[in-house]
């Protein structure tokens, strides 16, 4: 099998930590990257979840709370309050 070189740019501190991790588990960087490549090809996907961190305001539990609160207000279960403005110091 013919080999080729794969070049990637990573933060220097990340590379040092990655090299240390690989060494700790008995691998070298090249073998670890080859394991990743083989897993992608075998599974036909990135072999771990990739997710964008989400603003907690839009979390499912908070949106459910807001919907419940809106429903309660529409049913007349809410209270009105005067807006109190606070000046920045």
PDB file of N, CA and C in Angstrom:
ATOM      1  N   UNK A   1       0.856  -1.175   0.000  1.00  0.00           N
ATOM      2  CA  UNK A   1       0.000   0.000   0.000  1.00  0.00           C
ATOM      3  C   UNK A   1       0.897   1.231   0.000  1.00  0.00           C
ATOM      4  N   UNK A   2       0.611   2.155  -0.918  1.00  0.00           N
ATOM      5  CA  UNK A   2       1.374   3.401  -0.996  1.00  0.00           C
ATOM      6  C   UNK A   2       0.893   4.347   0.095  1.00  0.00           C
ATOM      7  N   UNK A   3       1.826   5.012   0.730  1.00  0.00           N
ATOM      8  CA  UNK A   3       1.493   5.966   1.785  1.00  0.00           C
ATOM      9  C   UNK A   3       1.647   7.387   1.260  1.00  0.00           C
ATOM     10  N   UNK A   4       0.908   8.294   1.834  1.00  0.00           N
ATOM     11  CA  UNK A   4       1.010   9.698   1.493  1.00  0.00           C
ATOM     12  C   UNK A   4       1.017  10.507   2.784  1.00  0.00           C
ATOM     13  N   UNK A   5       1.344  11.758   2.687  1.00  0.00           N
ATOM     14  CA  UNK A   5       1.411  12.624   3.864  1.00  0.00           C
ATOM     15  C   UNK A   5       0.158  13.473   3.944  1.00  0.00           C
ATOM     16  N   UNK A   6      -0.384  13.569   5.137  1.00  0.00           N
ATOM     17  CA  UNK A   6      -1.530  14.419   5.419  1.00  0.00           C
ATOM     18  C   UNK A   6      -1.039  15.530   6.342  1.00  0.00           C
ATOM     19  N   UNK A   7      -1.241  16.771   5.942  1.00  0.00           N
ATOM     20  CA  UNK A   7      -0.780  17.906   6.728  1.00  0.00           C
ATOM     21  C   UNK A   7      -1.979  18.663   7.278  1.00  0.00           C
ATOM     22  N   UNK A   8      -1.934  18.980   8.555  1.00  0.00           N
ATOM     23  CA  UNK A   8      -3.007  19.756   9.180  1.00  0.00           C
ATOM     24  C   UNK A   8      -2.379  20.755  10.133  1.00  0.00           C
ATOM     25  N   UNK A   9      -2.958  21.915  10.203  1.00  0.00           N
ATOM     26  CA  UNK A   9      -2.477  22.933  11.129  1.00  0.00           C
ATOM     27  C   UNK A   9      -3.296  22.862  12.408  1.00  0.00           C
ATOM     28  N   UNK A  10      -2.614  22.794  13.548  1.00  0.00           N
ATOM     29  CA  UNK A  10      -3.276  22.801  14.856  1.00  0.00           C
ATOM     30  C   UNK A  10      -2.498  23.721  15.787  1.00  0.00           C
ATOM     31  N   UNK A  11      -3.181  24.180  16.805  1.00  0.00           N
ATOM     32  CA  UNK A  11      -2.531  25.016  17.812  1.00  0.00           C
ATOM     33  C   UNK A  11      -1.356  24.239  18.411  1.00  0.00           C
ATOM     34  N   UNK A  12      -0.247  24.919  18.618  1.00  0.00           N
ATOM     35  CA  UNK A  12       0.963  24.256  19.113  1.00  0.00           C
ATOM     36  C   UNK A  12       0.720  23.578  20.462  1.00  0.00           C
ATOM     37  N   UNK A  13      -0.002  24.247  21.364  1.00  0.00           N
ATOM     38  CA  UNK A  13      -0.275  23.658  22.684  1.00  0.00           C
ATOM     39  C   UNK A  13      -1.150  22.418  22.554  1.00  0.00           C
ATOM     40  N   UNK A  14      -2.120  22.462  21.630  1.00  0.00           N
ATOM     41  CA  UNK A  14      -2.973  21.293  21.407  1.00  0.00           C
ATOM     42  C   UNK A  14      -2.152  20.118  20.884  1.00  0.00           C
ATOM     43  N   UNK A  15      -1.207  20.389  19.989  1.00  0.00           N
ATOM     44  CA  UNK A  15      -0.378  19.311  19.443  1.00  0.00           C
ATOM     45  C   UNK A  15       0.466  18.675  20.534  1.00  0.00           C
ATOM     46  N   UNK A  16       1.032  19.484  21.387  1.00  0.00           N
ATOM     47  CA  UNK A  16       1.849  18.940  22.480  1.00  0.00           C
ATOM     48  C   UNK A  16       0.989  18.046  23.377  1.00  0.00           C
ATOM     49  N   UNK A  17      -0.201  18.534  23.733  1.00  0.00           N
ATOM     50  CA  UNK A  17      -1.101  17.739  24.582  1.00  0.00           C
ATOM     51  C   UNK A  17      -1.545  16.464  23.875  1.00  0.00           C
ATOM     52  N   UNK A  18      -1.821  16.563  22.559  1.00  0.00           N
ATOM     53  CA  UNK A  18      -2.232  15.391  21.792  1.00  0.00           C
ATOM     54  C   UNK A  18      -1.103  14.375  21.728  1.00  0.00           C
ATOM     55  N   UNK A  19       0.102  14.832  21.462  1.00  0.00           N
ATOM     56  CA  UNK A  19       1.263  13.936  21.433  1.00  0.00           C
ATOM     57  C   UNK A  19       1.438  13.243  22.777  1.00  0.00           C
ATOM     58  N   UNK A  20       1.280  13.994  23.866  1.00  0.00           N
ATOM     59  CA  UNK A  20       1.401  13.414  25.210  1.00  0.00           C
ATOM     60  C   UNK A  20       0.315  12.370  25.447  1.00  0.00           C
ATOM     61  N   UNK A  21      -0.923  12.681  25.055  1.00  0.00           N
ATOM     62  CA  UNK A  21      -2.013  11.716  25.209  1.00  0.00           C
ATOM     63  C   UNK A  21      -1.710  10.440  24.438  1.00  0.00           C
ATOM     64  N   UNK A  22      -1.326  10.610  23.169  1.00  0.00           N
ATOM     65  CA  UNK A  22      -1.028   9.441  22.341  1.00  0.00           C
ATOM     66  C   UNK A  22       0.055   8.580  22.988  1.00  0.00           C
ATOM     67  N   UNK A  23       1.086   9.215  23.471  1.00  0.00           N
ATOM     68  CA  UNK A  23       2.167   8.491  24.129  1.00  0.00           C
ATOM     69  C   UNK A  23       1.667   7.749  25.365  1.00  0.00           C
ATOM     70  N   UNK A  24       0.800   8.418  26.139  1.00  0.00           N
ATOM     71  CA  UNK A  24       0.261   7.806  27.364  1.00  0.00           C
ATOM     72  C   UNK A  24      -0.547   6.544  27.077  1.00  0.00           C
ATOM     73  N   UNK A  25      -1.208   6.482  25.905  1.00  0.00           N
ATOM     74  CA  UNK A  25      -2.021   5.305  25.578  1.00  0.00           C
ATOM     75  C   UNK A  25      -1.299   4.362  24.620  1.00  0.00           C
ATOM     76  N   UNK A  26      -0.008   4.574  24.423  1.00  0.00           N
ATOM     77  CA  UNK A  26       0.805   3.652  23.641  1.00  0.00           C
ATOM     78  C   UNK A  26       0.723   3.840  22.135  1.00  0.00           C
ATOM     79  N   UNK A  27       0.372   5.032  21.699  1.00  0.00           N
ATOM     80  CA  UNK A  27       0.292   5.326  20.274  1.00  0.00           C
ATOM     81  C   UNK A  27       1.254   6.451  19.938  1.00  0.00           C
ATOM     82  N   UNK A  28       1.401   6.700  18.651  1.00  0.00           N
ATOM     83  CA  UNK A  28       2.031   7.943  18.245  1.00  0.00           C
ATOM     84  C   UNK A  28       0.987   8.743  17.472  1.00  0.00           C
ATOM     85  N   UNK A  29       1.282   9.980  17.168  1.00  0.00           N
ATOM     86  CA  UNK A  29       0.317  10.860  16.516  1.00  0.00           C
ATOM     87  C   UNK A  29      -0.142  10.292  15.185  1.00  0.00           C
ATOM     88  N   UNK A  30       0.756   9.766  14.400  1.00  0.00           N
ATOM     89  CA  UNK A  30       0.422   9.223  13.087  1.00  0.00           C
ATOM     90  C   UNK A  30      -0.569   8.061  13.208  1.00  0.00           C
ATOM     91  N   UNK A  31      -0.324   7.168  14.142  1.00  0.00           N
ATOM     92  CA  UNK A  31      -1.228   6.030  14.331  1.00  0.00           C
ATOM     93  C   UNK A  31      -2.605   6.509  14.787  1.00  0.00           C
ATOM     94  N   UNK A  32      -2.642   7.490  15.697  1.00  0.00           N
ATOM     95  CA  UNK A  32      -3.916   8.003  16.185  1.00  0.00           C
ATOM     96  C   UNK A  32      -4.724   8.634  15.045  1.00  0.00           C
ATOM     97  N   UNK A  33      -4.072   9.387  14.189  1.00  0.00           N
ATOM     98  CA  UNK A  33      -4.771  10.004  13.062  1.00  0.00           C
ATOM     99  C   UNK A  33      -5.232   8.939  12.073  1.00  0.00           C
ATOM    100  N   UNK A  34      -4.419   7.928  11.850  1.00  0.00           N
ATOM    101  CA  UNK A  34      -4.831   6.826  10.979  1.00  0.00           C
ATOM    102  C   UNK A  34      -6.036   6.077  11.552  1.00  0.00           C
ATOM    103  N   UNK A  35      -6.097   5.917  12.869  1.00  0.00           N
ATOM    104  CA  UNK A  35      -7.269   5.299  13.504  1.00  0.00           C
ATOM    105  C   UNK A  35      -8.517   6.127  13.226  1.00  0.00           C
ATOM    106  N   UNK A  36      -8.390   7.447  13.323  1.00  0.00           N
ATOM    107  CA  UNK A  36      -9.505   8.344  13.040  1.00  0.00           C
ATOM    108  C   UNK A  36      -9.952   8.194  11.587  1.00  0.00           C
ATOM    109  N   UNK A  37      -9.006   8.231  10.655  1.00  0.00           N
ATOM    110  CA  UNK A  37      -9.328   8.112   9.232  1.00  0.00           C
ATOM    111  C   UNK A  37     -10.039   6.795   8.949  1.00  0.00           C
ATOM    112  N   UNK A  38      -9.525   5.693   9.493  1.00  0.00           N
ATOM    113  CA  UNK A  38     -10.140   4.372   9.278  1.00  0.00           C
ATOM    114  C   UNK A  38     -11.549   4.330   9.856  1.00  0.00           C
ATOM    115  N   UNK A  39     -11.766   4.933  11.032  1.00  0.00           N
ATOM    116  CA  UNK A  39     -13.097   4.951  11.640  1.00  0.00           C
ATOM    117  C   UNK A  39     -14.074   5.743  10.777  1.00  0.00           C
ATOM    118  N   UNK A  40     -13.639   6.883  10.236  1.00  0.00           N
ATOM    119  CA  UNK A  40     -14.501   7.684   9.352  1.00  0.00           C
ATOM    120  C   UNK A  40     -14.878   6.870   8.121  1.00  0.00           C
ATOM    121  N   UNK A  41     -13.928   6.218   7.509  1.00  0.00           N
ATOM    122  CA  UNK A  41     -14.198   5.443   6.299  1.00  0.00           C
ATOM    123  C   UNK A  41     -15.083   4.231   6.590  1.00  0.00           C
ATOM    124  N   UNK A  42     -14.860   3.588   7.719  1.00  0.00           N
ATOM    125  CA  UNK A  42     -15.657   2.414   8.082  1.00  0.00           C
ATOM    126  C   UNK A  42     -17.096   2.798   8.409  1.00  0.00           C
ATOM    127  N   UNK A  43     -17.271   3.853   9.190  1.00  0.00           N
ATOM    128  CA  UNK A  43     -18.600   4.248   9.663  1.00  0.00           C
ATOM    129  C   UNK A  43     -19.306   5.217   8.722  1.00  0.00           C
ATOM    130  N   UNK A  44     -18.561   5.765   7.767  1.00  0.00           N
ATOM    131  CA  UNK A  44     -19.103   6.751   6.826  1.00  0.00           C
ATOM    132  C   UNK A  44     -19.686   7.966   7.558  1.00  0.00           C
ATOM    133  N   UNK A  45     -19.012   8.365   8.627  1.00  0.00           N
ATOM    134  CA  UNK A  45     -19.407   9.539   9.426  1.00  0.00           C
ATOM    135  C   UNK A  45     -18.249   9.892  10.345  1.00  0.00           C
ATOM    136  N   UNK A  46     -18.313  11.086  10.926  1.00  0.00           N
ATOM    137  CA  UNK A  46     -17.355  11.447  11.968  1.00  0.00           C
ATOM    138  C   UNK A  46     -17.705  10.558  13.173  1.00  0.00           C
ATOM    139  N   UNK A  47     -16.756   9.857  13.743  1.00  0.00           N
ATOM    140  CA  UNK A  47     -17.084   8.860  14.763  1.00  0.00           C
ATOM    141  C   UNK A  47     -17.342   9.421  16.172  1.00  0.00           C
ATOM    142  N   UNK A  48     -17.813  10.627  16.237  1.00  0.00           N
ATOM    143  CA  UNK A  48     -18.226  11.218  17.509  1.00  0.00           C
ATOM    144  C   UNK A  48     -19.197  12.341  17.193  1.00  0.00           C
ATOM    145  N   UNK A  49     -19.990  12.724  18.183  1.00  0.00           N
ATOM    146  CA  UNK A  49     -20.966  13.779  17.975  1.00  0.00           C
ATOM    147  C   UNK A  49     -20.282  15.139  17.890  1.00  0.00           C
ATOM    148  N   UNK A  50     -20.764  15.944  16.970  1.00  0.00           N
ATOM    149  CA  UNK A  50     -20.309  17.322  16.847  1.00  0.00           C
ATOM    150  C   UNK A  50     -21.539  18.189  17.039  1.00  0.00           C
ATOM    151  N   UNK A  51     -21.507  19.049  18.033  1.00  0.00           N
ATOM    152  CA  UNK A  51     -22.677  19.866  18.324  1.00  0.00           C
ATOM    153  C   UNK A  51     -22.247  21.299  18.597  1.00  0.00           C
ATOM    154  N   UNK A  52     -23.082  22.198  18.172  1.00  0.00           N
ATOM    155  CA  UNK A  52     -22.850  23.609  18.450  1.00  0.00           C
ATOM    156  C   UNK A  52     -23.398  23.878  19.840  1.00  0.00           C
ATOM    157  N   UNK A  53     -22.589  24.527  20.668  1.00  0.00           N
ATOM    158  CA  UNK A  53     -23.111  24.855  21.988  1.00  0.00           C
ATOM    159  C   UNK A  53     -24.246  25.850  21.819  1.00  0.00           C
ATOM    160  N   UNK A  54     -25.273  25.642  22.599  1.00  0.00           N
ATOM    161  CA  UNK A  54     -26.486  26.428  22.417  1.00  0.00           C
ATOM    162  C   UNK A  54     -26.674  27.372  23.590  1.00  0.00           C
ATOM    163  N   UNK A  55     -27.238  28.519  23.298  1.00  0.00           N
ATOM    164  CA  UNK A  55     -27.598  29.477  24.326  1.00  0.00           C
ATOM    165  C   UNK A  55     -28.595  28.807  25.260  1.00  0.00           C
ATOM    166  N   UNK A  56     -28.327  28.786  26.587  1.00  0.00           N
ATOM    167  CA  UNK A  56     -29.233  28.108  27.519  1.00  0.00           C
ATOM    168  C   UNK A  56     -30.658  28.652  27.488  1.00  0.00           C
ATOM    169  N   UNK A  57     -30.835  29.893  27.032  1.00  0.00           N
ATOM    170  CA  UNK A  57     -32.177  30.453  26.934  1.00  0.00           C
ATOM    171  C   UNK A  57     -33.046  29.598  26.020  1.00  0.00           C
ATOM    172  N   UNK A  58     -32.444  29.044  24.966  1.00  0.00           N
ATOM    173  CA  UNK A  58     -33.186  28.269  23.985  1.00  0.00           C
ATOM    174  C   UNK A  58     -33.195  26.771  24.280  1.00  0.00           C
ATOM    175  N   UNK A  59     -32.783  26.379  25.480  1.00  0.00           N
ATOM    176  CA  UNK A  59     -32.814  24.965  25.833  1.00  0.00           C
ATOM    177  C   UNK A  59     -34.257  24.485  25.871  1.00  0.00           C
ATOM    178  N   UNK A  60     -34.442  23.205  25.653  1.00  0.00           N
ATOM    179  CA  UNK A  60     -35.791  22.638  25.618  1.00  0.00           C
ATOM    180  C   UNK A  60     -36.529  22.885  26.927  1.00  0.00           C
ATOM    181  N   UNK A  61     -35.841  22.713  28.052  1.00  0.00           N
ATOM    182  CA  UNK A  61     -36.510  22.896  29.349  1.00  0.00           C
ATOM    183  C   UNK A  61     -36.942  24.346  29.550  1.00  0.00           C
ATOM    184  N   UNK A  62     -36.118  25.312  29.129  1.00  0.00           N
ATOM    185  CA  UNK A  62     -36.491  26.717  29.292  1.00  0.00           C
ATOM    186  C   UNK A  62     -37.631  27.098  28.355  1.00  0.00           C
ATOM    187  N   UNK A  63     -37.590  26.617  27.111  1.00  0.00           N
ATOM    188  CA  UNK A  63     -38.675  26.917  26.178  1.00  0.00           C
ATOM    189  C   UNK A  63     -39.997  26.328  26.676  1.00  0.00           C
ATOM    190  N   UNK A  64     -39.945  25.126  27.257  1.00  0.00           N
ATOM    191  CA  UNK A  64     -41.159  24.535  27.830  1.00  0.00           C
ATOM    192  C   UNK A  64     -41.685  25.383  28.986  1.00  0.00           C
ATOM    193  N   UNK A  65     -40.780  25.900  29.815  1.00  0.00           N
ATOM    194  CA  UNK A  65     -41.163  26.762  30.934  1.00  0.00           C
ATOM    195  C   UNK A  65     -41.831  28.043  30.423  1.00  0.00           C
ATOM    196  N   UNK A  66     -41.261  28.628  29.368  1.00  0.00           N
ATOM    197  CA  UNK A  66     -41.824  29.857  28.801  1.00  0.00           C
ATOM    198  C   UNK A  66     -43.217  29.587  28.232  1.00  0.00           C
ATOM    199  N   UNK A  67     -43.362  28.476  27.496  1.00  0.00           N
ATOM    200  CA  UNK A  67     -44.670  28.131  26.934  1.00  0.00           C
ATOM    201  C   UNK A  67     -45.706  27.936  28.042  1.00  0.00           C
ATOM    202  N   UNK A  68     -45.309  27.274  29.121  1.00  0.00           N
ATOM    203  CA  UNK A  68     -46.205  27.057  30.254  1.00  0.00           C
ATOM    204  C   UNK A  68     -46.599  28.405  30.876  1.00  0.00           C
ATOM    205  N   UNK A  69     -45.633  29.287  31.029  1.00  0.00           N
ATOM    206  CA  UNK A  69     -45.886  30.605  31.619  1.00  0.00           C
ATOM    207  C   UNK A  69     -46.827  31.429  30.746  1.00  0.00           C
ATOM    208  N   UNK A  70     -46.622  31.403  29.424  1.00  0.00           N
ATOM    209  CA  UNK A  70     -47.492  32.136  28.499  1.00  0.00           C
ATOM    210  C   UNK A  70     -48.912  31.596  28.600  1.00  0.00           C
ATOM    211  N   UNK A  71     -49.052  30.285  28.662  1.00  0.00           N
ATOM    212  CA  UNK A  71     -50.376  29.666  28.783  1.00  0.00           C
ATOM    213  C   UNK A  71     -51.063  30.127  30.067  1.00  0.00           C
ATOM    214  N   UNK A  72     -50.320  30.159  31.171  1.00  0.00           N
ATOM    215  CA  UNK A  72     -50.889  30.593  32.455  1.00  0.00           C
ATOM    216  C   UNK A  72     -51.349  32.046  32.392  1.00  0.00           C
ATOM    217  N   UNK A  73     -50.552  32.908  31.761  1.00  0.00           N
ATOM    218  CA  UNK A  73     -50.924  34.320  31.633  1.00  0.00           C
ATOM    219  C   UNK A  73     -52.201  34.434  30.799  1.00  0.00           C
ATOM    220  N   UNK A  74     -52.288  33.692  29.700  1.00  0.00           N
ATOM    221  CA  UNK A  74     -53.479  33.726  28.846  1.00  0.00           C
ATOM    222  C   UNK A  74     -54.718  33.225  29.594  1.00  0.00           C
ATOM    223  N   UNK A  75     -54.514  32.349  30.554  1.00  0.00           N
ATOM    224  CA  UNK A  75     -55.627  31.817  31.350  1.00  0.00           C
ATOM    225  C   UNK A  75     -55.950  32.709  32.547  1.00  0.00           C
ATOM    226  N   UNK A  76     -55.275  33.866  32.629  1.00  0.00           N
ATOM    227  CA  UNK A  76     -55.548  34.810  33.706  1.00  0.00           C
ATOM    228  C   UNK A  76     -54.887  34.448  35.023  1.00  0.00           C
ATOM    229  N   UNK A  77     -53.907  33.598  35.005  1.00  0.00           N
ATOM    230  CA  UNK A  77     -53.238  33.173  36.240  1.00  0.00           C
ATOM    231  C   UNK A  77     -52.002  34.006  36.570  1.00  0.00           C
ATOM    232  N   UNK A  78     -51.709  35.018  35.759  1.00  0.00           N
ATOM    233  CA  UNK A  78     -50.520  35.819  35.991  1.00  0.00           C
ATOM    234  C   UNK A  78     -50.815  37.086  36.771  1.00  0.00           C
ATOM    235  N   UNK A  79     -49.776  37.793  37.154  1.00  0.00           N
ATOM    236  CA  UNK A  79     -49.903  39.066  37.870  1.00  0.00           C
ATOM    237  C   UNK A  79     -49.207  40.155  37.058  1.00  0.00           C
ATOM    238  N   UNK A  80     -49.793  41.358  37.092  1.00  0.00           N
ATOM    239  CA  UNK A  80     -49.166  42.513  36.439  1.00  0.00           C
ATOM    240  C   UNK A  80     -48.320  43.261  37.445  1.00  0.00           C
ATOM    241  N   UNK A  81     -47.197  43.742  36.989  1.00  0.00           N
ATOM    242  CA  UNK A  81     -46.292  44.523  37.830  1.00  0.00           C
ATOM    243  C   UNK A  81     -45.851  45.739  37.039  1.00  0.00           C
ATOM    244  N   UNK A  82     -45.597  46.823  37.753  1.00  0.00           N
ATOM    245  CA  UNK A  82     -45.024  48.000  37.107  1.00  0.00           C
ATOM    246  C   UNK A  82     -43.572  47.694  36.752  1.00  0.00           C
ATOM    247  N   UNK A  83     -43.180  48.254  35.630  1.00  0.00           N
ATOM    248  CA  UNK A  83     -41.790  48.108  35.212  1.00  0.00           C
ATOM    249  C   UNK A  83     -40.924  49.003  36.084  1.00  0.00           C
ATOM    250  N   UNK A  84     -39.923  48.427  36.690  1.00  0.00           N
ATOM    251  CA  UNK A  84     -38.992  49.193  37.510  1.00  0.00           C
ATOM    252  C   UNK A  84     -37.698  49.308  36.716  1.00  0.00           C
ATOM    253  N   UNK A  85     -37.340  50.536  36.381  1.00  0.00           N
ATOM    254  CA  UNK A  85     -36.124  50.738  35.627  1.00  0.00           C
ATOM    255  C   UNK A  85     -34.970  50.984  36.590  1.00  0.00           C
ATOM    256  N   UNK A  86     -33.878  50.318  36.342  1.00  0.00           N
ATOM    257  CA  UNK A  86     -32.697  50.465  37.175  1.00  0.00           C
ATOM    258  C   UNK A  86     -31.630  51.146  36.337  1.00  0.00           C
ATOM    259  N   UNK A  87     -31.063  52.199  36.863  1.00  0.00           N
ATOM    260  CA  UNK A  87     -30.026  52.925  36.127  1.00  0.00           C
ATOM    261  C   UNK A  87     -28.680  52.247  36.374  1.00  0.00           C
ATOM    262  N   UNK A  88     -27.904  52.165  35.307  1.00  0.00           N
ATOM    263  CA  UNK A  88     -26.549  51.618  35.433  1.00  0.00           C
ATOM    264  C   UNK A  88     -25.705  52.552  36.270  1.00  0.00           C
ATOM    265  N   UNK A  89     -24.872  51.989  37.088  1.00  0.00           N
ATOM    266  CA  UNK A  89     -24.000  52.814  37.928  1.00  0.00           C
ATOM    267  C   UNK A  89     -22.702  53.094  37.241  1.00  0.00           C
TER     268      UNK A  89
END
